[in-house]
Amino acid sequence: MIISYIQAAMRKAVYEILAEDGTYYGEIPGLQGVWANEPALEDCREELQSVLEDWILVRIADHLEIPAIEGINLNNFRSEVA
């Protein structure tokens, strides 16, 4: 279920090239604080996924709400694990 959530979230990712330095910036709309900035697009994607994974783990550990994506609700998963 977590892998499906990560895959769905990454499909929502948006990227742009920053004019100031030519680096790539990526974020996942709706997931506050999930962003990355790297010199190459693939590096930005990899870092964004890593940030997303850490963000999910912190939110689960701190019992914080996790927005559902594409019908995948990790809040239900959290109560099943507890």
C-alpha atoms as a PDB file:
ATOM      1  CA  MET A   1       0.000   0.000   0.000  1.00  0.00           C
ATOM      2  CA  ILE A   2       2.809   2.447   0.802  1.00  0.00           C
ATOM      3  CA  ILE A   3       4.556   1.716  -2.505  1.00  0.00           C
ATOM      4  CA  SER A   4       1.304   2.359  -4.371  1.00  0.00           C
ATOM      5  CA  TYR A   5       0.918   5.660  -2.514  1.00  0.00           C
ATOM      6  CA  ILE A   6       4.479   6.710  -3.397  1.00  0.00           C
ATOM      7  CA  GLN A   7       3.950   5.811  -7.053  1.00  0.00           C
ATOM      8  CA  ALA A   8       0.659   7.737  -7.180  1.00  0.00           C
ATOM      9  CA  ALA A   9       2.206  10.772  -5.482  1.00  0.00           C
ATOM     10  CA  MET A  10       5.173  10.770  -7.842  1.00  0.00           C
ATOM     11  CA  ARG A  11       2.784  10.808 -10.816  1.00  0.00           C
ATOM     12  CA  LYS A  12       1.462  14.126  -9.452  1.00  0.00           C
ATOM     13  CA  ALA A  13       4.937  15.657  -9.178  1.00  0.00           C
ATOM     14  CA  VAL A  14       5.623  18.850 -11.095  1.00  0.00           C
ATOM     15  CA  TYR A  15       9.048  20.074 -12.140  1.00  0.00           C
ATOM     16  CA  GLU A  16      10.497  23.316 -13.396  1.00  0.00           C
ATOM     17  CA  ILE A  17      13.901  24.664 -14.313  1.00  0.00           C
ATOM     18  CA  LEU A  18      14.852  27.604 -12.124  1.00  0.00           C
ATOM     19  CA  ALA A  19      15.987  30.589 -14.177  1.00  0.00           C
ATOM     20  CA  GLU A  20      18.347  31.799 -11.459  1.00  0.00           C
ATOM     21  CA  ASP A  21      20.726  28.836 -11.609  1.00  0.00           C
ATOM     22  CA  GLY A  22      19.362  26.325 -14.138  1.00  0.00           C
ATOM     23  CA  THR A  23      18.650  23.684 -11.494  1.00  0.00           C
ATOM     24  CA  TYR A  24      15.508  21.575 -11.387  1.00  0.00           C
ATOM     25  CA  TYR A  25      12.865  22.134  -8.728  1.00  0.00           C
ATOM     26  CA  GLY A  26      10.207  19.510  -8.093  1.00  0.00           C
ATOM     27  CA  GLU A  27       7.269  19.306  -5.724  1.00  0.00           C
ATOM     28  CA  ILE A  28       4.141  17.281  -5.131  1.00  0.00           C
ATOM     29  CA  PRO A  29       1.099  19.554  -4.905  1.00  0.00           C
ATOM     30  CA  GLY A  30      -0.940  18.984  -1.772  1.00  0.00           C
ATOM     31  CA  LEU A  31       1.946  17.519   0.226  1.00  0.00           C
ATOM     32  CA  GLN A  32       3.363  20.440   2.181  1.00  0.00           C
ATOM     33  CA  GLY A  33       7.135  20.352   2.513  1.00  0.00           C
ATOM     34  CA  VAL A  34       7.697  17.678  -0.134  1.00  0.00           C
ATOM     35  CA  TRP A  35      10.078  19.306  -2.605  1.00  0.00           C
ATOM     36  CA  ALA A  36      13.563  18.871  -4.066  1.00  0.00           C
ATOM     37  CA  ASN A  37      16.111  20.973  -5.943  1.00  0.00           C
ATOM     38  CA  GLU A  38      18.940  19.329  -7.891  1.00  0.00           C
ATOM     39  CA  PRO A  39      21.197  20.080 -10.887  1.00  0.00           C
ATOM     40  CA  ALA A  40      19.709  17.306 -13.077  1.00  0.00           C
ATOM     41  CA  LEU A  41      16.097  16.253 -13.599  1.00  0.00           C
ATOM     42  CA  GLU A  42      16.676  12.585 -12.721  1.00  0.00           C
ATOM     43  CA  ASP A  43      18.516  13.608  -9.540  1.00  0.00           C
ATOM     44  CA  CYS A  44      15.589  15.860  -8.670  1.00  0.00           C
ATOM     45  CA  ARG A  45      13.121  12.978  -9.158  1.00  0.00           C
ATOM     46  CA  GLU A  46      15.194  10.657  -6.985  1.00  0.00           C
ATOM     47  CA  GLU A  47      15.576  13.253  -4.228  1.00  0.00           C
ATOM     48  CA  LEU A  48      11.866  14.092  -4.389  1.00  0.00           C
ATOM     49  CA  GLN A  49      10.969  10.434  -3.888  1.00  0.00           C
ATOM     50  CA  SER A  50      13.388  10.168  -0.967  1.00  0.00           C
ATOM     51  CA  VAL A  51      11.877  13.280   0.633  1.00  0.00           C
ATOM     52  CA  LEU A  52       8.386  11.826   0.093  1.00  0.00           C
ATOM     53  CA  GLU A  53       9.345   8.537   1.775  1.00  0.00           C
ATOM     54  CA  ASP A  54      10.777  10.370   4.800  1.00  0.00           C
ATOM     55  CA  TRP A  55       7.727  12.669   4.924  1.00  0.00           C
ATOM     56  CA  ILE A  56       5.380   9.655   5.045  1.00  0.00           C
ATOM     57  CA  LEU A  57       7.365   7.978   7.829  1.00  0.00           C
ATOM     58  CA  VAL A  58       7.473  11.134   9.946  1.00  0.00           C
ATOM     59  CA  ARG A  59       3.739  11.730   9.520  1.00  0.00           C
ATOM     60  CA  ILE A  60       2.958   8.120  10.471  1.00  0.00           C
ATOM     61  CA  ALA A  61       5.250   8.289  13.520  1.00  0.00           C
ATOM     62  CA  ASP A  62       3.785  11.626  14.647  1.00  0.00           C
ATOM     63  CA  HIS A  63       0.171  10.510  14.008  1.00  0.00           C
ATOM     64  CA  LEU A  64      -0.367  13.313  11.507  1.00  0.00           C
ATOM     65  CA  GLU A  65      -2.948  13.247   8.726  1.00  0.00           C
ATOM     66  CA  ILE A  66      -1.715  12.030   5.345  1.00  0.00           C
ATOM     67  CA  PRO A  67      -3.752  13.243   2.353  1.00  0.00           C
ATOM     68  CA  ALA A  68      -5.273  10.443   0.279  1.00  0.00           C
ATOM     69  CA  ILE A  69      -3.998  10.212  -3.292  1.00  0.00           C
ATOM     70  CA  GLU A  70      -5.867   8.372  -6.050  1.00  0.00           C
ATOM     71  CA  GLY A  71      -8.058   6.746  -3.406  1.00  0.00           C
ATOM     72  CA  ILE A  72      -5.077   5.437  -1.426  1.00  0.00           C
ATOM     73  CA  ASN A  73      -5.514   6.371   2.219  1.00  0.00           C
ATOM     74  CA  LEU A  74      -2.507   5.669   4.453  1.00  0.00           C
ATOM     75  CA  ASN A  75      -4.409   6.865   7.509  1.00  0.00           C
ATOM     76  CA  ASN A  76      -6.345   3.583   7.397  1.00  0.00           C
ATOM     77  CA  PHE A  77      -3.068   1.679   7.018  1.00  0.00           C
ATOM     78  CA  ARG A  78      -1.677   3.359  10.115  1.00  0.00           C
ATOM     79  CA  SER A  79      -4.526   2.069  12.309  1.00  0.00           C
ATOM     80  CA  GLU A  80      -4.093  -1.453  10.899  1.00  0.00           C
ATOM     81  CA  VAL A  81      -0.389  -1.470  11.861  1.00  0.00           C
ATOM     82  CA  ALA A  82      -0.934  -0.106  15.387  1.00  0.00           C
END
